[in-house]
Amino acid sequence: MYVVTRNMKVAKNLTDAVLEDLNHKSAVVRSEGFIRRDVLLNSEDEEFDLIKVVIYWKDKDSMITWQGSKEHQQGHIDRHKERKASGKEPVNRKELNLTVEDFEVMFSLESEL
């Protein structure tokens, strides 16, 4: 399994818009090798929120294929247009302080209950 994390340090006034975008239905759910996406929020700091997106893939090749696909690129364009059409300001990715990390899963520990 292959895992990609996207880490964002987001100004409080942008958090709802970012979470709305991340909760939007994406074509990734039909992508070969996609397993799941988790969105985590830490809002303990008074000045900013931390959002972590954890995306699980069957393997690295599946993730690379998705990232290079027309569906992936078009999804970002469409979401930007949808926000504008609904009168909402599109999220400027430069304001997200985004870092990305990729990991090969070596082993997992699961509950025995």
N, C-alpha and C. Protein backbone atom coordinates (compact mmCIF):
# COMPACT_ATOMS: atom_id res chain seq x y z
N MET A 1 0.85 -1.18 0.00
CA MET A 1 0.00 0.00 0.00
C MET A 1 0.89 1.23 0.00
N TYR A 2 0.37 2.32 -0.56
CA TYR A 2 1.08 3.58 -0.67
C TYR A 2 0.18 4.68 -0.09
N VAL A 3 0.77 5.57 0.70
CA VAL A 3 0.00 6.62 1.37
C VAL A 3 0.61 7.98 1.05
N VAL A 4 -0.27 8.92 0.72
CA VAL A 4 0.15 10.31 0.48
C VAL A 4 -0.53 11.17 1.53
N THR A 5 0.25 12.04 2.18
CA THR A 5 -0.34 12.99 3.12
C THR A 5 -0.14 14.40 2.58
N ARG A 6 -1.18 15.18 2.68
CA ARG A 6 -1.12 16.60 2.33
C ARG A 6 -1.40 17.35 3.62
N ASN A 7 -0.47 18.18 4.02
CA ASN A 7 -0.53 18.88 5.28
C ASN A 7 -0.70 20.37 5.01
N MET A 8 -1.72 20.94 5.64
CA MET A 8 -2.02 22.35 5.41
C MET A 8 -2.13 23.11 6.72
N LYS A 9 -1.50 24.24 6.78
CA LYS A 9 -1.63 25.17 7.90
C LYS A 9 -2.50 26.30 7.37
N VAL A 10 -3.76 26.32 7.81
CA VAL A 10 -4.79 27.15 7.17
C VAL A 10 -5.27 28.24 8.11
N ALA A 11 -5.37 29.46 7.59
CA ALA A 11 -5.96 30.56 8.37
C ALA A 11 -7.38 30.18 8.75
N LYS A 12 -7.79 30.52 9.95
CA LYS A 12 -9.11 30.15 10.47
C LYS A 12 -10.24 30.53 9.50
N ASN A 13 -10.12 31.66 8.84
CA ASN A 13 -11.20 32.11 7.95
C ASN A 13 -11.28 31.30 6.65
N LEU A 14 -10.30 30.44 6.38
CA LEU A 14 -10.31 29.62 5.17
C LEU A 14 -10.70 28.16 5.44
N THR A 15 -10.72 27.77 6.69
CA THR A 15 -10.92 26.36 7.03
C THR A 15 -12.21 25.80 6.45
N ASP A 16 -13.33 26.49 6.61
CA ASP A 16 -14.60 25.96 6.12
C ASP A 16 -14.58 25.75 4.60
N ALA A 17 -14.00 26.69 3.88
CA ALA A 17 -13.94 26.56 2.42
C ALA A 17 -13.06 25.39 2.01
N VAL A 18 -11.93 25.21 2.68
CA VAL A 18 -11.03 24.11 2.36
C VAL A 18 -11.72 22.78 2.67
N LEU A 19 -12.37 22.68 3.82
CA LEU A 19 -13.06 21.44 4.17
C LEU A 19 -14.21 21.15 3.21
N GLU A 20 -14.91 22.19 2.78
CA GLU A 20 -15.99 22.01 1.80
C GLU A 20 -15.43 21.44 0.50
N ASP A 21 -14.32 21.98 0.03
CA ASP A 21 -13.69 21.48 -1.19
C ASP A 21 -13.24 20.02 -1.02
N LEU A 22 -12.66 19.71 0.12
CA LEU A 22 -12.18 18.35 0.35
C LEU A 22 -13.31 17.35 0.51
N ASN A 23 -14.48 17.81 0.91
CA ASN A 23 -15.63 16.93 1.09
C ASN A 23 -16.42 16.75 -0.21
N HIS A 24 -16.07 17.52 -1.21
CA HIS A 24 -16.74 17.47 -2.50
C HIS A 24 -16.46 16.13 -3.18
N LYS A 25 -17.47 15.54 -3.78
CA LYS A 25 -17.30 14.26 -4.49
C LYS A 25 -16.26 14.41 -5.59
N SER A 26 -15.33 13.49 -5.64
CA SER A 26 -14.23 13.56 -6.59
C SER A 26 -14.19 12.31 -7.46
N ALA A 27 -13.72 12.47 -8.68
CA ALA A 27 -13.56 11.33 -9.59
C ALA A 27 -12.52 10.35 -9.09
N VAL A 28 -11.74 10.74 -8.10
CA VAL A 28 -10.72 9.83 -7.57
C VAL A 28 -11.34 8.53 -7.07
N VAL A 29 -12.60 8.57 -6.64
CA VAL A 29 -13.24 7.36 -6.11
C VAL A 29 -13.40 6.28 -7.18
N ARG A 30 -13.30 6.67 -8.45
CA ARG A 30 -13.39 5.71 -9.55
C ARG A 30 -12.01 5.40 -10.15
N SER A 31 -10.97 5.88 -9.51
CA SER A 31 -9.62 5.68 -10.03
C SER A 31 -9.08 4.32 -9.60
N GLU A 32 -8.51 3.60 -10.55
CA GLU A 32 -7.92 2.29 -10.27
C GLU A 32 -6.84 2.41 -9.20
N GLY A 33 -6.95 1.63 -8.16
CA GLY A 33 -5.95 1.62 -7.10
C GLY A 33 -6.25 2.53 -5.92
N PHE A 34 -7.25 3.42 -6.05
CA PHE A 34 -7.62 4.28 -4.93
C PHE A 34 -8.32 3.45 -3.87
N ILE A 35 -7.94 3.64 -2.61
CA ILE A 35 -8.56 2.91 -1.51
C ILE A 35 -9.47 3.82 -0.70
N ARG A 36 -8.92 4.92 -0.18
CA ARG A 36 -9.75 5.85 0.59
C ARG A 36 -8.98 7.15 0.85
N ARG A 37 -9.75 8.17 1.27
CA ARG A 37 -9.17 9.46 1.65
C ARG A 37 -9.76 9.86 2.99
N ASP A 38 -8.90 10.18 3.94
CA ASP A 38 -9.32 10.68 5.24
C ASP A 38 -8.91 12.15 5.35
N VAL A 39 -9.77 12.96 5.91
CA VAL A 39 -9.46 14.37 6.15
C VAL A 39 -9.49 14.59 7.66
N LEU A 40 -8.37 15.05 8.21
CA LEU A 40 -8.22 15.24 9.64
C LEU A 40 -8.08 16.73 9.94
N LEU A 41 -8.64 17.16 11.06
CA LEU A 41 -8.60 18.57 11.44
C LEU A 41 -8.11 18.71 12.87
N ASN A 42 -7.15 19.60 13.06
CA ASN A 42 -6.69 19.99 14.39
C ASN A 42 -6.91 21.49 14.48
N SER A 43 -7.84 21.90 15.34
CA SER A 43 -8.17 23.33 15.46
C SER A 43 -7.79 23.88 16.84
N GLU A 44 -6.79 23.29 17.46
CA GLU A 44 -6.39 23.71 18.81
C GLU A 44 -5.72 25.08 18.85
N ASP A 45 -5.00 25.45 17.81
CA ASP A 45 -4.32 26.74 17.80
C ASP A 45 -5.33 27.85 17.57
N GLU A 46 -5.12 29.00 18.19
CA GLU A 46 -6.05 30.12 18.06
C GLU A 46 -5.92 30.85 16.73
N GLU A 47 -4.76 30.77 16.08
CA GLU A 47 -4.51 31.54 14.87
C GLU A 47 -4.71 30.77 13.57
N PHE A 48 -4.56 29.47 13.59
CA PHE A 48 -4.66 28.68 12.36
C PHE A 48 -5.17 27.28 12.69
N ASP A 49 -5.60 26.59 11.66
CA ASP A 49 -6.01 25.19 11.77
C ASP A 49 -5.03 24.34 10.97
N LEU A 50 -4.87 23.11 11.40
CA LEU A 50 -4.07 22.14 10.66
C LEU A 50 -5.02 21.13 10.03
N ILE A 51 -4.90 20.98 8.73
CA ILE A 51 -5.70 20.00 8.01
C ILE A 51 -4.72 19.00 7.39
N LYS A 52 -4.99 17.74 7.62
CA LYS A 52 -4.17 16.69 7.03
C LYS A 52 -5.09 15.80 6.20
N VAL A 53 -4.72 15.62 4.95
CA VAL A 53 -5.45 14.72 4.06
C VAL A 53 -4.57 13.49 3.87
N VAL A 54 -5.13 12.34 4.18
CA VAL A 54 -4.39 11.08 4.05
C VAL A 54 -5.08 10.26 2.96
N ILE A 55 -4.34 9.97 1.90
CA ILE A 55 -4.90 9.27 0.75
C ILE A 55 -4.19 7.92 0.62
N TYR A 56 -5.01 6.87 0.59
CA TYR A 56 -4.48 5.50 0.55
C TYR A 56 -4.64 4.94 -0.87
N TRP A 57 -3.54 4.39 -1.39
CA TRP A 57 -3.51 3.81 -2.73
C TRP A 57 -3.02 2.37 -2.66
N LYS A 58 -3.41 1.59 -3.63
CA LYS A 58 -2.93 0.20 -3.74
C LYS A 58 -1.42 0.19 -3.89
N ASP A 59 -0.90 1.11 -4.72
CA ASP A 59 0.54 1.19 -4.96
C ASP A 59 0.89 2.58 -5.52
N LYS A 60 2.17 2.85 -5.61
CA LYS A 60 2.64 4.15 -6.08
C LYS A 60 2.24 4.40 -7.54
N ASP A 61 2.28 3.38 -8.37
CA ASP A 61 1.92 3.55 -9.78
C ASP A 61 0.47 4.03 -9.93
N SER A 62 -0.43 3.52 -9.10
CA SER A 62 -1.82 3.96 -9.15
C SER A 62 -1.94 5.44 -8.85
N MET A 63 -1.20 5.89 -7.83
CA MET A 63 -1.22 7.31 -7.46
C MET A 63 -0.66 8.18 -8.58
N ILE A 64 0.44 7.76 -9.17
CA ILE A 64 1.06 8.52 -10.25
C ILE A 64 0.13 8.60 -11.45
N THR A 65 -0.52 7.50 -11.79
CA THR A 65 -1.46 7.49 -12.90
C THR A 65 -2.59 8.48 -12.66
N TRP A 66 -3.14 8.49 -11.44
CA TRP A 66 -4.22 9.42 -11.11
C TRP A 66 -3.74 10.87 -11.21
N GLN A 67 -2.59 11.16 -10.63
CA GLN A 67 -2.10 12.54 -10.63
C GLN A 67 -1.87 13.07 -12.04
N GLY A 68 -1.51 12.21 -12.96
CA GLY A 68 -1.27 12.64 -14.33
C GLY A 68 -2.50 12.58 -15.23
N SER A 69 -3.62 12.17 -14.66
CA SER A 69 -4.82 11.98 -15.47
C SER A 69 -5.55 13.29 -15.77
N LYS A 70 -6.27 13.30 -16.89
CA LYS A 70 -7.09 14.45 -17.25
C LYS A 70 -8.20 14.65 -16.23
N GLU A 71 -8.73 13.56 -15.68
CA GLU A 71 -9.81 13.65 -14.69
C GLU A 71 -9.36 14.39 -13.44
N HIS A 72 -8.12 14.14 -13.02
CA HIS A 72 -7.58 14.82 -11.84
C HIS A 72 -7.46 16.32 -12.10
N GLN A 73 -6.85 16.67 -13.21
CA GLN A 73 -6.67 18.09 -13.54
C GLN A 73 -8.02 18.78 -13.74
N GLN A 74 -8.93 18.12 -14.44
CA GLN A 74 -10.25 18.71 -14.71
C GLN A 74 -11.04 18.89 -13.42
N GLY A 75 -10.88 18.00 -12.49
CA GLY A 75 -11.58 18.11 -11.21
C GLY A 75 -11.23 19.40 -10.48
N HIS A 76 -9.96 19.76 -10.50
CA HIS A 76 -9.54 21.02 -9.86
C HIS A 76 -10.14 22.22 -10.59
N ILE A 77 -10.13 22.18 -11.89
CA ILE A 77 -10.69 23.27 -12.69
C ILE A 77 -12.19 23.40 -12.44
N ASP A 78 -12.89 22.27 -12.46
CA ASP A 78 -14.34 22.28 -12.25
C ASP A 78 -14.71 22.79 -10.87
N ARG A 79 -13.98 22.38 -9.84
CA ARG A 79 -14.28 22.82 -8.47
C ARG A 79 -14.08 24.33 -8.35
N HIS A 80 -13.05 24.86 -8.98
CA HIS A 80 -12.78 26.30 -8.99
C HIS A 80 -13.97 27.04 -9.63
N LYS A 81 -14.44 26.53 -10.76
CA LYS A 81 -15.57 27.15 -11.47
C LYS A 81 -16.86 27.05 -10.65
N GLU A 82 -17.09 25.92 -10.01
CA GLU A 82 -18.29 25.73 -9.19
C GLU A 82 -18.34 26.73 -8.05
N ARG A 83 -17.21 26.94 -7.39
CA ARG A 83 -17.18 27.90 -6.28
C ARG A 83 -17.51 29.31 -6.79
N LYS A 84 -16.92 29.69 -7.91
CA LYS A 84 -17.18 31.02 -8.48
C LYS A 84 -18.65 31.16 -8.87
N ALA A 85 -19.20 30.13 -9.51
CA ALA A 85 -20.60 30.18 -9.96
C ALA A 85 -21.57 30.27 -8.80
N SER A 86 -21.19 29.72 -7.65
CA SER A 86 -22.07 29.78 -6.48
C SER A 86 -21.83 31.03 -5.64
N GLY A 87 -20.98 31.93 -6.14
CA GLY A 87 -20.73 33.19 -5.44
C GLY A 87 -19.69 33.09 -4.35
N LYS A 88 -18.98 31.97 -4.30
CA LYS A 88 -17.95 31.78 -3.28
C LYS A 88 -16.58 31.99 -3.92
N GLU A 89 -15.70 32.56 -3.15
CA GLU A 89 -14.34 32.79 -3.61
C GLU A 89 -13.60 31.45 -3.71
N PRO A 90 -12.98 31.16 -4.85
CA PRO A 90 -12.18 29.92 -4.95
C PRO A 90 -11.02 29.95 -3.94
N VAL A 91 -10.67 28.79 -3.43
CA VAL A 91 -9.57 28.69 -2.49
C VAL A 91 -8.25 28.84 -3.25
N ASN A 92 -7.43 29.77 -2.79
CA ASN A 92 -6.12 30.00 -3.38
C ASN A 92 -5.15 29.02 -2.73
N ARG A 93 -4.67 28.04 -3.50
CA ARG A 93 -3.80 27.00 -2.95
C ARG A 93 -2.53 27.56 -2.33
N LYS A 94 -2.11 28.75 -2.76
CA LYS A 94 -0.91 29.36 -2.20
C LYS A 94 -1.10 29.76 -0.73
N GLU A 95 -2.35 29.93 -0.32
CA GLU A 95 -2.65 30.33 1.05
C GLU A 95 -2.73 29.14 2.01
N LEU A 96 -2.51 27.93 1.51
CA LEU A 96 -2.70 26.75 2.34
C LEU A 96 -1.43 26.25 3.01
N ASN A 97 -0.29 26.84 2.71
CA ASN A 97 0.97 26.37 3.28
C ASN A 97 1.06 24.85 3.16
N LEU A 98 0.90 24.36 1.95
CA LEU A 98 0.77 22.94 1.67
C LEU A 98 2.12 22.24 1.58
N THR A 99 2.24 21.13 2.28
CA THR A 99 3.37 20.22 2.10
C THR A 99 2.80 18.84 1.81
N VAL A 100 3.53 18.06 1.04
CA VAL A 100 3.09 16.72 0.65
C VAL A 100 4.18 15.72 1.01
N GLU A 101 3.75 14.60 1.57
CA GLU A 101 4.68 13.53 1.90
C GLU A 101 4.10 12.22 1.37
N ASP A 102 4.97 11.37 0.84
CA ASP A 102 4.56 10.06 0.33
C ASP A 102 5.24 8.98 1.16
N PHE A 103 4.50 7.89 1.39
CA PHE A 103 5.03 6.80 2.20
C PHE A 103 4.66 5.45 1.60
N GLU A 104 5.56 4.53 1.65
CA GLU A 104 5.28 3.13 1.37
C GLU A 104 4.91 2.49 2.71
N VAL A 105 3.76 1.84 2.80
CA VAL A 105 3.36 1.20 4.04
C VAL A 105 4.17 -0.08 4.21
N MET A 106 4.86 -0.17 5.30
CA MET A 106 5.71 -1.34 5.57
C MET A 106 4.94 -2.42 6.33
N PHE A 107 4.14 -2.01 7.30
CA PHE A 107 3.28 -2.94 8.02
C PHE A 107 2.25 -2.14 8.79
N SER A 108 1.19 -2.81 9.20
CA SER A 108 0.10 -2.18 9.96
C SER A 108 -0.24 -3.04 11.15
N LEU A 109 -0.71 -2.43 12.19
CA LEU A 109 -1.20 -3.12 13.37
C LEU A 109 -2.68 -2.85 13.48
N GLU A 110 -3.48 -3.89 13.54
CA GLU A 110 -4.92 -3.73 13.60
C GLU A 110 -5.48 -4.33 14.89
N SER A 111 -6.60 -3.83 15.29
CA SER A 111 -7.27 -4.32 16.49
C SER A 111 -7.64 -5.80 16.37
N GLU A 112 -7.53 -6.50 17.45
CA GLU A 112 -7.94 -7.90 17.49
C GLU A 112 -9.34 -8.06 18.07
N LEU A 113 -9.98 -6.98 18.41
CA LEU A 113 -11.34 -7.04 18.98
C LEU A 113 -12.38 -7.16 17.91
